[in-house]
Amino acid sequence: MISLKPRHRETPLPDLTPLLDTVFILLFFFVIAAAFAIHGVDLRLPKSSAASSYAGHPIEIQLSADGTLHHRGELITLRDVAFLVRNTTKGESNNRQILLVPDRQASVGDFMAAVGAIRDNGGDRLVIAAEPTVAADKP
């Protein structure tokens, strides 16, 4: 006998493929955009036999050969360095290190002014970047 009752069909689920495609395209876009957003200053680091590897996320301040200072790719002054160090060494983040990256051609006066601005404003955990020298007589 033929049943005349209507059959209840399950409602089909929406297709998630276009949504996933869009998410992956956005992810790809932001990864590529982040890779090109990194700005820096070309520096020739001074050499040191005491240089060692460093890992972490310090506050990085770069000193160029012409005496200009940079932080995150932006030009800053000694007053900005003092403000930056003072504000980032307050409270819970007082153990955060400050990495000074001097150019090999930077003058000693500019270097000492930058170190003085950092130390005078609470930057006791100062790390100075250097390029390790190659030891010829290492066993």
C-alpha atoms as a PDB file:
ATOM      1  CA  MET A   1       0.000   0.000   0.000  1.00  0.00           C
ATOM      2  CA  ILE A   2       1.194   3.494  -0.791  1.00  0.00           C
ATOM      3  CA  SER A   3       1.653   5.890   2.074  1.00  0.00           C
ATOM      4  CA  LEU A   4       0.159   9.300   1.387  1.00  0.00           C
ATOM      5  CA  LYS A   5       1.804  10.984   4.348  1.00  0.00           C
ATOM      6  CA  PRO A   6       4.485  13.506   3.371  1.00  0.00           C
ATOM      7  CA  ARG A   7       7.966  12.416   4.240  1.00  0.00           C
ATOM      8  CA  HIS A   8       9.991  14.618   6.519  1.00  0.00           C
ATOM      9  CA  ARG A   9      13.250  15.412   4.863  1.00  0.00           C
ATOM     10  CA  GLU A  10      16.214  16.762   6.735  1.00  0.00           C
ATOM     11  CA  THR A  11      17.075  20.314   5.867  1.00  0.00           C
ATOM     12  CA  PRO A  12      20.429  20.430   4.133  1.00  0.00           C
ATOM     13  CA  LEU A  13      23.325  22.083   5.991  1.00  0.00           C
ATOM     14  CA  PRO A  14      24.838  25.181   4.409  1.00  0.00           C
ATOM     15  CA  ASP A  15      27.984  24.699   2.387  1.00  0.00           C
ATOM     16  CA  LEU A  16      30.960  26.005   4.417  1.00  0.00           C
ATOM     17  CA  THR A  17      33.488  25.819   1.594  1.00  0.00           C
ATOM     18  CA  PRO A  18      33.196  29.499   0.526  1.00  0.00           C
ATOM     19  CA  LEU A  19      33.526  30.599   4.161  1.00  0.00           C
ATOM     20  CA  LEU A  20      36.670  28.507   4.644  1.00  0.00           C
ATOM     21  CA  ASP A  21      38.121  29.804   1.378  1.00  0.00           C
ATOM     22  CA  THR A  22      37.573  33.376   2.539  1.00  0.00           C
ATOM     23  CA  VAL A  23      39.172  32.709   5.936  1.00  0.00           C
ATOM     24  CA  PHE A  24      42.264  31.181   4.330  1.00  0.00           C
ATOM     25  CA  ILE A  25      42.577  34.057   1.855  1.00  0.00           C
ATOM     26  CA  LEU A  26      42.395  36.578   4.715  1.00  0.00           C
ATOM     27  CA  LEU A  27      44.946  34.606   6.716  1.00  0.00           C
ATOM     28  CA  PHE A  28      47.298  34.548   3.734  1.00  0.00           C
ATOM     29  CA  PHE A  29      46.818  38.290   3.188  1.00  0.00           C
ATOM     30  CA  PHE A  30      47.650  39.194   6.797  1.00  0.00           C
ATOM     31  CA  VAL A  31      50.707  36.927   6.908  1.00  0.00           C
ATOM     32  CA  ILE A  32      52.097  38.504   3.733  1.00  0.00           C
ATOM     33  CA  ALA A  33      51.212  42.026   4.933  1.00  0.00           C
ATOM     34  CA  ALA A  34      52.986  41.416   8.256  1.00  0.00           C
ATOM     35  CA  ALA A  35      56.110  40.210   6.475  1.00  0.00           C
ATOM     36  CA  PHE A  36      56.358  43.442   4.481  1.00  0.00           C
ATOM     37  CA  ALA A  37      55.477  45.697   7.426  1.00  0.00           C
ATOM     38  CA  ILE A  38      58.814  45.183   9.201  1.00  0.00           C
ATOM     39  CA  HIS A  39      60.988  48.253   8.857  1.00  0.00           C
ATOM     40  CA  GLY A  40      64.526  48.572  10.018  1.00  0.00           C
ATOM     41  CA  VAL A  41      67.729  50.496   9.717  1.00  0.00           C
ATOM     42  CA  ASP A  42      70.861  48.934   8.211  1.00  0.00           C
ATOM     43  CA  LEU A  43      73.578  48.883  10.863  1.00  0.00           C
ATOM     44  CA  ARG A  44      77.096  47.507  10.969  1.00  0.00           C
ATOM     45  CA  LEU A  45      77.469  46.168  14.508  1.00  0.00           C
ATOM     46  CA  PRO A  46      80.720  46.562  16.402  1.00  0.00           C
ATOM     47  CA  LYS A  47      82.672  43.343  16.960  1.00  0.00           C
ATOM     48  CA  SER A  48      83.273  41.898  20.408  1.00  0.00           C
ATOM     49  CA  SER A  49      84.842  38.708  21.713  1.00  0.00           C
ATOM     50  CA  ALA A  50      82.342  38.777  24.604  1.00  0.00           C
ATOM     51  CA  ALA A  51      79.282  38.751  22.317  1.00  0.00           C
ATOM     52  CA  SER A  52      76.770  35.980  22.875  1.00  0.00           C
ATOM     53  CA  SER A  53      73.339  35.002  21.594  1.00  0.00           C
ATOM     54  CA  TYR A  54      70.322  36.744  23.054  1.00  0.00           C
ATOM     55  CA  ALA A  55      66.707  35.631  23.060  1.00  0.00           C
ATOM     56  CA  GLY A  56      63.716  37.603  24.194  1.00  0.00           C
ATOM     57  CA  HIS A  57      61.646  40.649  23.355  1.00  0.00           C
ATOM     58  CA  PRO A  58      63.509  43.680  24.624  1.00  0.00           C
ATOM     59  CA  ILE A  59      62.848  47.302  23.856  1.00  0.00           C
ATOM     60  CA  GLU A  60      65.121  47.811  20.838  1.00  0.00           C
ATOM     61  CA  ILE A  61      66.752  51.201  20.231  1.00  0.00           C
ATOM     62  CA  GLN A  62      69.051  51.578  17.211  1.00  0.00           C
ATOM     63  CA  LEU A  63      71.852  54.137  16.996  1.00  0.00           C
ATOM     64  CA  SER A  64      72.837  54.977  13.394  1.00  0.00           C
ATOM     65  CA  ALA A  65      76.245  56.117  12.171  1.00  0.00           C
ATOM     66  CA  ASP A  66      74.994  59.699  11.865  1.00  0.00           C
ATOM     67  CA  GLY A  67      73.866  59.733  15.516  1.00  0.00           C
ATOM     68  CA  THR A  68      70.123  59.351  14.929  1.00  0.00           C
ATOM     69  CA  LEU A  69      68.091  57.005  17.092  1.00  0.00           C
ATOM     70  CA  HIS A  70      65.345  54.664  15.849  1.00  0.00           C
ATOM     71  CA  HIS A  71      62.708  52.586  17.616  1.00  0.00           C
ATOM     72  CA  ARG A  72      60.491  50.227  15.581  1.00  0.00           C
ATOM     73  CA  GLY A  73      61.662  51.899  12.390  1.00  0.00           C
ATOM     74  CA  GLU A  74      60.713  55.413  13.519  1.00  0.00           C
ATOM     75  CA  LEU A  75      63.113  58.272  14.154  1.00  0.00           C
ATOM     76  CA  ILE A  76      63.244  59.248  17.843  1.00  0.00           C
ATOM     77  CA  THR A  77      65.184  61.728  19.989  1.00  0.00           C
ATOM     78  CA  LEU A  78      66.963  61.346  23.334  1.00  0.00           C
ATOM     79  CA  ARG A  79      63.881  62.812  24.987  1.00  0.00           C
ATOM     80  CA  ASP A  80      61.771  60.084  23.350  1.00  0.00           C
ATOM     81  CA  VAL A  81      64.253  57.465  24.601  1.00  0.00           C
ATOM     82  CA  ALA A  82      63.897  58.791  28.140  1.00  0.00           C
ATOM     83  CA  PHE A  83      60.092  58.732  27.885  1.00  0.00           C
ATOM     84  CA  LEU A  84      60.094  55.240  26.364  1.00  0.00           C
ATOM     85  CA  VAL A  85      62.391  53.791  29.013  1.00  0.00           C
ATOM     86  CA  ARG A  86      60.592  55.515  31.877  1.00  0.00           C
ATOM     87  CA  ASN A  87      57.171  54.258  30.779  1.00  0.00           C
ATOM     88  CA  THR A  88      58.176  50.685  29.987  1.00  0.00           C
ATOM     89  CA  THR A  89      60.178  50.074  33.165  1.00  0.00           C
ATOM     90  CA  LYS A  90      57.309  50.995  35.508  1.00  0.00           C
ATOM     91  CA  GLY A  91      55.254  48.434  37.382  1.00  0.00           C
ATOM     92  CA  GLU A  92      55.195  44.790  36.346  1.00  0.00           C
ATOM     93  CA  SER A  93      57.421  45.193  33.288  1.00  0.00           C
ATOM     94  CA  ASN A  94      60.412  46.506  35.245  1.00  0.00           C
ATOM     95  CA  ASN A  95      62.407  43.401  34.329  1.00  0.00           C
ATOM     96  CA  ARG A  96      62.185  44.115  30.593  1.00  0.00           C
ATOM     97  CA  GLN A  97      65.562  44.557  28.977  1.00  0.00           C
ATOM     98  CA  ILE A  98      66.551  47.400  26.689  1.00  0.00           C
ATOM     99  CA  LEU A  99      68.639  46.467  23.648  1.00  0.00           C
ATOM    100  CA  LEU A 100      70.843  49.236  22.273  1.00  0.00           C
ATOM    101  CA  VAL A 101      72.009  48.426  18.735  1.00  0.00           C
ATOM    102  CA  PRO A 102      74.837  50.836  17.839  1.00  0.00           C
ATOM    103  CA  ASP A 103      76.308  51.200  14.365  1.00  0.00           C
ATOM    104  CA  ARG A 104      80.043  50.546  14.163  1.00  0.00           C
ATOM    105  CA  GLN A 105      80.570  54.060  12.763  1.00  0.00           C
ATOM    106  CA  ALA A 106      78.543  55.835  15.493  1.00  0.00           C
ATOM    107  CA  SER A 107      80.546  58.298  17.564  1.00  0.00           C
ATOM    108  CA  VAL A 108      81.384  57.564  21.175  1.00  0.00           C
ATOM    109  CA  GLY A 109      79.638  60.777  22.200  1.00  0.00           C
ATOM    110  CA  ASP A 110      76.348  59.737  20.600  1.00  0.00           C
ATOM    111  CA  PHE A 111      76.689  56.263  22.106  1.00  0.00           C
ATOM    112  CA  MET A 112      77.337  57.629  25.600  1.00  0.00           C
ATOM    113  CA  ALA A 113      74.431  60.076  25.278  1.00  0.00           C
ATOM    114  CA  ALA A 114      72.082  57.197  24.408  1.00  0.00           C
ATOM    115  CA  VAL A 115      73.410  55.031  27.254  1.00  0.00           C
ATOM    116  CA  GLY A 116      73.090  57.967  29.655  1.00  0.00           C
ATOM    117  CA  ALA A 117      69.483  58.653  28.601  1.00  0.00           C
ATOM    118  CA  ILE A 118      68.623  54.981  29.127  1.00  0.00           C
ATOM    119  CA  ARG A 119      70.400  54.622  32.492  1.00  0.00           C
ATOM    120  CA  ASP A 120      69.169  57.952  33.884  1.00  0.00           C
ATOM    121  CA  ASN A 121      65.549  56.945  33.319  1.00  0.00           C
ATOM    122  CA  GLY A 122      65.579  53.522  34.959  1.00  0.00           C
ATOM    123  CA  GLY A 123      67.026  51.365  32.200  1.00  0.00           C
ATOM    124  CA  ASP A 124      69.236  49.268  34.462  1.00  0.00           C
ATOM    125  CA  ARG A 125      68.882  46.165  32.295  1.00  0.00           C
ATOM    126  CA  LEU A 126      70.716  47.529  29.254  1.00  0.00           C
ATOM    127  CA  VAL A 127      72.061  45.093  26.653  1.00  0.00           C
ATOM    128  CA  ILE A 128      74.414  46.370  23.942  1.00  0.00           C
ATOM    129  CA  ALA A 129      74.340  44.483  20.641  1.00  0.00           C
ATOM    130  CA  ALA A 130      77.628  43.406  19.090  1.00  0.00           C
ATOM    131  CA  GLU A 131      78.749  41.073  16.343  1.00  0.00           C
ATOM    132  CA  PRO A 132      80.818  38.141  17.650  1.00  0.00           C
ATOM    133  CA  THR A 133      84.395  37.934  16.447  1.00  0.00           C
ATOM    134  CA  VAL A 134      85.487  34.698  14.822  1.00  0.00           C
ATOM    135  CA  ALA A 135      88.005  32.910  16.995  1.00  0.00           C
ATOM    136  CA  ALA A 136      90.597  31.154  14.826  1.00  0.00           C
ATOM    137  CA  ASP A 137      92.031  28.980  17.604  1.00  0.00           C
ATOM    138  CA  LYS A 138      88.843  27.346  18.919  1.00  0.00           C
ATOM    139  CA  PRO A 139      89.320  23.608  19.546  1.00  0.00           C
END
